[in-house]
Protein backbone atom coordinates (compact mmCIF):
# COMPACT_ATOMS: atom_id res chain seq x y z
CA MET A 1 -57.64 59.02 62.36
CA SER A 2 -54.70 59.65 60.70
CA PRO A 3 -51.70 57.45 62.47
CA PHE A 4 -48.56 58.62 64.50
CA THR A 5 -45.45 58.71 62.07
CA SER A 6 -43.19 60.76 64.30
CA ILE A 7 -42.33 61.58 67.93
CA LEU A 8 -39.46 63.73 69.23
CA ALA A 9 -38.21 63.68 72.61
CA ALA A 10 -35.77 66.06 74.45
CA THR A 11 -33.45 64.82 77.33
CA ASP A 12 -30.58 66.60 79.40
CA PHE A 13 -29.95 62.85 80.72
CA SER A 14 -31.07 63.45 84.27
CA VAL A 15 -33.88 61.04 85.60
CA ASP A 16 -36.96 63.50 84.59
CA GLY A 17 -35.98 63.55 80.81
CA ASN A 18 -34.30 59.62 80.29
CA ASN A 19 -38.57 58.93 81.64
CA ALA A 20 -39.26 61.04 79.13
CA VAL A 21 -37.25 59.06 76.11
CA ARG A 22 -38.55 56.04 77.57
CA ARG A 23 -42.10 56.73 77.19
CA ALA A 24 -41.55 58.27 74.07
CA ALA A 25 -40.06 54.57 72.33
CA LEU A 26 -42.77 52.58 74.62
CA LEU A 27 -45.20 55.03 72.81
CA ALA A 28 -43.17 54.97 68.98
CA HIS A 29 -43.59 50.94 69.49
CA GLU A 30 -47.24 50.85 70.15
CA HIS A 31 -48.04 53.03 66.45
CA GLY A 32 -45.03 51.85 64.55
CA ALA A 33 -43.78 55.57 64.81
CA HIS A 34 -40.25 56.95 64.33
CA LEU A 35 -38.74 58.20 67.08
CA HIS A 36 -36.02 61.10 67.52
CA VAL A 37 -34.33 62.07 70.60
CA LEU A 38 -32.34 65.22 71.08
CA HIS A 39 -29.97 66.91 73.26
CA VAL A 40 -29.45 70.88 73.67
CA LEU A 41 -26.10 71.78 74.64
CA LYS A 42 -26.89 75.17 75.56
CA VAL A 43 -23.09 77.49 75.39
CA ALA A 44 -23.25 78.69 78.66
CA GLY A 45 -23.46 75.33 80.35
CA CYS A 46 -19.43 74.92 79.04
CA LYS A 47 -18.19 77.87 80.83
CA PRO A 48 -16.18 75.93 83.74
CA LEU A 49 -13.94 74.24 81.24
CA ARG A 50 -12.83 77.41 79.20
CA GLU A 51 -10.46 78.14 81.92
CA TRP A 52 -8.13 75.04 80.09
CA PHE A 53 -9.81 74.81 76.55
CA SER A 54 -10.59 76.96 74.12
CA PRO A 55 -14.34 77.32 73.36
CA THR A 56 -14.43 75.43 70.18
CA THR A 57 -12.39 72.68 71.90
CA ASP A 58 -14.95 72.79 75.14
CA ILE A 59 -18.04 72.86 72.83
CA ASP A 60 -16.45 69.60 70.73
CA LEU A 61 -15.81 67.66 73.76
CA LYS A 62 -18.96 68.52 75.44
CA SER A 63 -20.76 67.35 71.84
CA ALA A 64 -19.20 63.88 71.51
CA GLN A 65 -19.35 63.04 74.88
CA ALA A 66 -23.49 64.23 74.61
CA ARG A 67 -23.61 61.94 71.09
CA ALA A 68 -21.56 59.08 73.43
CA ALA A 69 -24.57 59.46 75.88
CA LEU A 70 -27.66 59.01 73.45
CA ARG A 71 -25.95 56.27 71.15
CA ARG A 72 -26.14 54.20 74.63
CA VAL A 73 -29.52 55.67 75.06
CA ALA A 74 -30.59 54.57 71.77
CA VAL A 75 -29.24 51.20 72.64
CA GLU A 76 -31.18 50.53 75.67
CA ILE A 77 -34.62 51.74 74.43
CA SER A 78 -33.69 49.77 70.85
CA GLY A 79 -33.42 46.30 73.16
CA ALA A 80 -36.24 47.03 75.95
CA TYR A 81 -38.85 48.04 73.64
CA ASP A 82 -37.77 46.81 69.85
CA VAL A 83 -37.46 50.94 68.76
CA THR A 84 -34.69 52.04 66.55
CA ALA A 85 -34.14 56.00 67.16
CA THR A 86 -32.23 58.61 65.99
CA VAL A 87 -29.84 60.54 67.78
CA GLU A 88 -29.27 64.32 67.73
CA VAL A 89 -26.67 66.63 69.30
CA GLU A 90 -27.40 70.42 68.62
CA VAL A 91 -25.67 73.89 70.29
CA GLY A 92 -27.71 76.54 70.83
CA ASP A 93 -30.93 77.93 72.43
CA PRO A 94 -33.07 74.81 74.26
CA LEU A 95 -36.29 76.56 73.24
CA ALA A 96 -35.39 77.69 69.74
CA THR A 97 -33.74 74.67 68.68
CA LEU A 98 -36.24 72.64 69.86
CA MET A 99 -39.14 74.61 68.72
CA GLN A 100 -37.86 74.15 65.28
CA ALA A 101 -37.15 70.21 65.60
CA SER A 102 -41.08 70.05 66.25
CA GLU A 103 -42.37 70.96 63.24
CA ARG A 104 -41.62 67.43 62.39
CA ALA A 105 -43.06 65.69 65.10
CA ASP A 106 -46.73 64.49 65.56
CA LEU A 107 -45.60 64.38 69.25
CA VAL A 108 -43.31 65.88 71.91
CA VAL A 109 -42.44 64.47 74.82
CA LEU A 110 -40.45 65.98 77.48
CA GLY A 111 -39.53 65.70 81.10
CA GLN A 112 -41.30 67.90 83.87
CA ARG A 113 -38.05 69.20 85.44
CA GLY A 114 -33.83 68.94 84.49
CA HIS A 115 -31.68 67.87 87.90
CA SER A 116 -28.59 67.95 85.09
CA ARG A 117 -25.49 69.22 87.16
CA VAL A 118 -24.79 70.86 83.63
CA GLU A 119 -26.82 73.45 82.76
CA THR A 120 -27.70 72.12 79.30
CA LEU A 121 -31.45 71.56 78.40
CA PRO A 122 -33.27 73.30 81.50
CA ILE A 123 -36.35 70.99 80.88
CA GLY A 124 -38.70 72.90 83.60
CA LYS A 125 -38.35 76.07 82.01
CA THR A 126 -38.34 74.71 78.29
CA ALA A 127 -41.75 72.50 78.89
CA ASP A 128 -43.01 75.60 80.45
CA CYS A 129 -42.56 77.49 77.29
CA MET A 130 -43.29 74.41 74.73
CA LEU A 131 -46.76 74.32 77.28
CA ARG A 132 -47.36 77.52 76.24
CA THR A 133 -46.08 78.62 72.80
CA SER A 134 -45.96 75.03 70.82
CA ARG A 135 -48.37 74.19 68.25
CA ARG A 136 -47.62 70.20 68.47
CA PRO A 137 -49.06 68.56 71.37
CA VAL A 138 -46.87 68.17 73.97
CA LEU A 139 -46.05 65.49 76.78
CA VAL A 140 -45.14 66.10 80.17
CA VAL A 141 -43.69 63.13 81.36
CA LYS A 142 -43.89 62.63 85.74
CA LYS A 143 -43.40 59.18 85.91
CA ALA A 144 -41.14 56.02 84.94
CA ALA A 145 -42.33 54.19 81.77
CA GLU A 146 -43.59 50.77 83.09
CA ALA A 147 -46.51 50.48 80.97
CA PRO A 148 -49.30 51.77 78.37
CA TYR A 149 -51.26 54.32 79.38
CA ARG A 150 -54.00 52.62 81.43
CA ARG A 151 -56.65 55.58 82.60
CA VAL A 152 -57.18 58.53 81.11
CA LEU A 153 -58.54 61.75 82.53
CA MET A 154 -59.92 63.99 79.51
CA PRO A 155 -61.26 67.38 80.92
CA VAL A 156 -63.53 69.28 78.34
CA ASP A 157 -65.45 72.71 78.53
CA PHE A 158 -66.71 71.96 74.81
CA THR A 159 -64.59 74.35 73.06
CA ALA A 160 -63.17 72.98 69.83
CA CYS A 161 -59.89 72.77 71.75
CA SER A 162 -61.27 70.34 74.13
CA ALA A 163 -62.74 68.18 71.26
CA SER A 164 -59.19 68.22 69.31
CA ALA A 165 -57.86 67.03 72.58
CA VAL A 166 -60.21 64.13 73.24
CA GLN A 167 -59.57 63.29 69.45
CA PHE A 168 -56.25 63.36 69.80
CA ALA A 169 -56.17 61.06 72.73
CA ALA A 170 -58.19 58.59 71.45
CA ARG A 171 -55.39 57.87 68.95
CA LEU A 172 -52.54 58.30 71.00
CA VAL A 173 -53.90 55.59 73.81
CA HIS A 174 -56.63 53.74 72.40
CA GLY A 175 -56.23 50.62 74.11
CA SER A 176 -56.92 52.68 77.48
CA ARG A 177 -60.03 53.48 79.69
CA MET A 178 -60.97 57.12 79.02
CA HIS A 179 -62.76 59.65 81.04
CA VAL A 180 -64.68 62.37 80.23
CA PHE A 181 -64.93 65.37 82.79
CA HIS A 182 -66.49 68.08 83.20
CA ALA A 183 -65.78 70.83 85.82
CA THR A 184 -68.54 73.15 86.71
CA ASP A 185 -68.25 76.21 89.30
CA SER A 186 -71.92 77.24 89.69
CA HIS A 187 -73.29 80.57 89.79
CA LEU A 188 -76.74 79.89 90.88
CA GLU A 189 -75.53 77.30 93.40
CA SER A 190 -73.71 80.31 94.97
CA ILE A 191 -76.44 82.70 94.92
CA LEU A 192 -78.84 79.51 96.55
CA ARG A 193 -76.77 78.71 98.95
CA ARG A 194 -76.11 82.43 100.48
CA SER A 195 -80.01 82.54 100.04
CA ASP A 196 -80.31 79.59 102.98
CA VAL A 197 -82.62 77.88 100.21
CA ALA A 198 -83.00 74.41 100.85
CA GLU A 199 -80.77 71.39 100.12
CA SER A 200 -83.48 69.37 98.20
CA ILE A 201 -83.59 72.54 95.82
CA ILE A 202 -79.86 72.81 95.53
CA ARG A 203 -79.29 69.29 95.15
CA ASP A 204 -81.85 69.23 92.29
CA VAL A 205 -80.05 72.25 90.66
CA ARG A 206 -76.55 70.05 90.93
CA ALA A 207 -78.56 66.97 89.24
CA ARG A 208 -79.63 68.65 86.62
CA GLU A 209 -76.82 70.41 85.81
CA GLU A 210 -74.87 67.10 86.20
CA THR A 211 -77.64 65.17 83.48
CA GLY A 212 -77.35 68.23 80.91
CA ALA A 213 -73.69 68.29 81.09
CA THR A 214 -73.06 64.52 80.67
CA ALA A 215 -75.49 64.72 77.44
CA ARG A 216 -73.37 67.01 76.22
CA MET A 217 -70.15 65.39 76.90
CA ARG A 218 -71.87 61.91 75.47
CA ARG A 219 -72.90 64.19 72.12
CA THR A 220 -69.64 65.91 71.48
CA VAL A 221 -67.99 62.31 71.65
CA ALA A 222 -70.42 60.90 69.01
CA GLY A 223 -69.90 64.40 66.94
CA LEU A 224 -66.39 63.12 66.49
CA GLY A 225 -67.10 59.40 65.53
CA LEU A 226 -65.42 57.82 68.70
CA GLU A 227 -67.25 55.15 70.63
CA SER A 228 -68.94 56.31 74.15
CA THR A 229 -69.03 52.62 75.27
CA ARG A 230 -65.05 52.98 75.73
CA MET A 231 -65.04 55.98 77.95
CA SER A 232 -67.12 57.05 81.06
CA PHE A 233 -68.15 60.37 81.79
CA SER A 234 -68.67 62.13 85.15
CA VAL A 235 -69.28 65.75 86.15
CA GLY A 236 -67.12 67.88 89.18
CA HIS A 237 -67.68 70.71 90.87
CA GLY A 238 -65.47 73.76 92.16
CA PRO A 239 -62.47 75.05 90.89
CA ALA A 240 -61.42 73.24 87.58
CA ASP A 241 -57.80 72.80 88.77
CA LEU A 242 -58.76 71.58 92.23
CA ALA A 243 -61.85 69.75 90.67
CA THR A 244 -59.28 67.62 87.92
CA LEU A 245 -56.78 66.84 90.53
CA GLN A 246 -59.65 65.35 92.60
CA ARG A 247 -60.41 63.48 89.70
CA ALA A 248 -57.39 62.63 88.68
CA ARG A 249 -56.35 60.50 92.30
CA ALA A 250 -59.90 59.28 92.69
CA LEU A 251 -59.64 57.48 89.30
CA GLY A 252 -55.87 56.27 89.68
CA THR A 253 -55.21 58.17 86.77
CA ASP A 254 -51.58 57.88 85.03
CA LEU A 255 -52.61 60.46 82.19
CA ILE A 256 -54.22 64.03 82.03
CA VAL A 257 -55.16 65.29 78.31
CA ALA A 258 -56.54 68.89 78.29
CA GLY A 259 -56.35 70.78 75.29
CA LYS A 260 -55.07 74.87 75.72
CA GLN A 261 -56.51 78.27 74.24
CA GLY A 262 -60.18 77.72 75.14
CA ARG A 263 -62.48 79.93 76.67
CA SER A 264 -64.48 78.81 79.20
CA THR A 265 -63.87 76.84 83.09
CA LEU A 266 -60.72 74.77 81.48
CA GLY A 267 -60.44 77.13 79.12
CA GLY A 268 -57.16 78.93 80.28
CA PHE A 269 -56.01 75.62 81.62
CA LEU A 270 -52.50 76.16 80.40
CA LEU A 271 -51.93 79.63 79.57
CA GLY A 272 -51.38 80.86 83.87
CA SER A 273 -51.62 79.43 87.44
CA VAL A 274 -53.72 76.90 86.59
CA SER A 275 -51.71 74.81 84.54
CA SER A 276 -48.73 74.74 87.00
CA ARG A 277 -50.88 74.13 90.21
CA VAL A 278 -52.19 70.93 88.14
CA LEU A 279 -48.97 70.25 86.88
CA SER A 280 -47.63 70.36 90.29
CA GLY A 281 -50.36 68.77 92.54
CA SER A 282 -50.63 65.82 90.08
CA ASP A 283 -48.91 62.39 90.21
CA CYS A 284 -49.39 61.64 87.11
CA ASP A 285 -48.06 62.62 83.09
CA MET A 286 -50.17 65.36 80.98
CA LEU A 287 -50.43 65.81 77.73
CA ILE A 288 -51.56 69.89 75.87
CA VAL A 289 -52.99 69.53 72.98
CA PRO A 290 -53.47 72.98 71.24
CA ARG A 291 -56.14 74.58 69.10
CA PRO A 292 -55.94 72.78 65.87
CA ARG A 293 -55.47 74.97 63.08
CA GLU A 294 -58.34 76.09 60.90
CA GLY A 295 -59.40 73.56 59.10
CA SER A 296 -57.37 70.70 60.21
CA LEU A 297 -60.26 69.19 62.46
CA PRO A 298 -63.59 69.47 60.27
CA ARG A 299 -65.27 67.16 62.48
CA ALA A 300 -64.47 68.86 65.90
CA ALA A 301 -65.63 72.31 64.39
CA SER A 302 -68.68 70.80 62.86
CA THR A 303 -69.36 69.80 66.72
CA GLN A 304 -68.70 72.88 68.13
CA THR A 305 -71.22 74.53 65.97
CA VAL A 306 -74.01 72.16 67.28
CA LEU A 307 -72.91 72.64 70.80
CA VAL A 308 -73.31 76.60 70.67
CA ASP A 309 -76.63 76.35 69.11
CA ALA A 310 -78.70 77.52 72.44
CA GLU A 311 -82.02 76.34 70.14
CA ALA A 312 -80.80 72.54 69.58
CA GLN A 313 -79.91 72.31 73.50
CA PRO A 314 -82.61 71.77 76.32
CA ASP A 315 -82.18 73.80 78.86
CA THR A 316 -81.25 72.12 81.98
CA ALA A 317 -80.85 74.54 84.56
CA GLY A 318 -84.65 76.45 83.98
CA PRO A 319 -86.41 74.29 85.55
CA ALA A 320 -84.07 74.36 88.69
CA ARG A 321 -84.19 77.95 88.62
CA SER A 322 -87.93 78.31 88.73
CA ASP A 323 -88.01 75.77 91.95
CA ALA A 324 -85.67 78.23 93.35
CA ALA A 325 -87.96 81.40 92.57
CA ARG A 326 -90.63 79.84 93.90
CA ALA A 327 -88.86 79.56 97.07
CA GLY A 328 -88.22 83.04 96.94
CA ALA A 329 -84.58 82.43 96.67
CA VAL A 330 -83.61 84.36 93.97
CA SER A 331 -84.33 87.74 92.60
CA PRO A 332 -85.09 89.00 89.21
CA ALA A 333 -81.58 90.37 88.86
CA HIS A 334 -80.38 86.95 90.24
CA ARG A 335 -82.32 85.38 87.67
CA THR A 336 -81.50 87.13 84.67
CA GLN A 337 -77.31 87.12 85.80
CA SER A 338 -78.12 83.09 86.01
CA THR A 339 -79.82 82.73 82.81
CA THR A 340 -76.76 84.06 81.00
CA ARG A 341 -74.29 81.87 82.83
CA PHE A 342 -76.31 78.71 82.00
CA LEU A 343 -77.41 79.26 78.48
CA PRO A 344 -76.37 75.91 76.73
CA GLY A 345 -73.60 76.46 74.55
CA ARG A 346 -72.33 79.66 76.72
CA THR A 347 -69.02 79.87 77.83
CA SER A 348 -68.33 81.99 80.90
């Protein structure tokens, strides 16, 4: 696994923004990475002073104040985390500036939202846009950086995206307890319950699904060359966001790591309302890892080829469907639909 060499942290000097800088400093210390701290000064934020100063004087004054504040931050983190950081103040559009700066970083660290009285870097809006568009991993910080991450939750959907997220998380938090998790929203179980099938059969269906999903998670981890002995595995049930939040609370998670641009249950994790619900509903930090560029994750791509090979996977749902059919609960049409949704390697 290649080491981290560069971490970019953005701050607007709010509590969340400064927490992001401290978390970035802690990670930089752990990995021996270079830390660059950025503050973007939005021109619109200087309007109140323009009644007294010319625009140029106004911007120069704000820039000088921001540089002085960043130097104080650099001194603080140098003493607390034994990290030497470079600092930079830019004037312009926050998102465009941050996107450009992120191209030189292995990881971007942002606060969840900003509370600065002067509108400089609207970290909440910027974080949301970065999550949607950035091709770099983005860490959204919600908690004070009191210690390294210890309990990491990694939801997977068996796509190259989630494989990339697991691999990146293993690099980032190699000393942490990592938990791999898959959420299923069983169509077959819903059919069985609506048909008043015996609870014993429904439990058997769920048990078979969990066994198959757990085995598949282990194969994913092994295919990435990671030590599964360092990880635990579990399967949740229900909508992806609710199942993830429930598991995070149960585990006392301090970091959730997820991929984006997947195609199944967690595939839209960061493309719409699911991401906002997880971010707003969780109490911990969240790391978003984008889909790797073609050829950038050969081992994960190879693993994905195996995972989608239906002939190579046991049909864990098939026996359960047979039990349900014998109970007279599933019609031929429903059996066809369920088979399509539960073919190993298929994504919904």
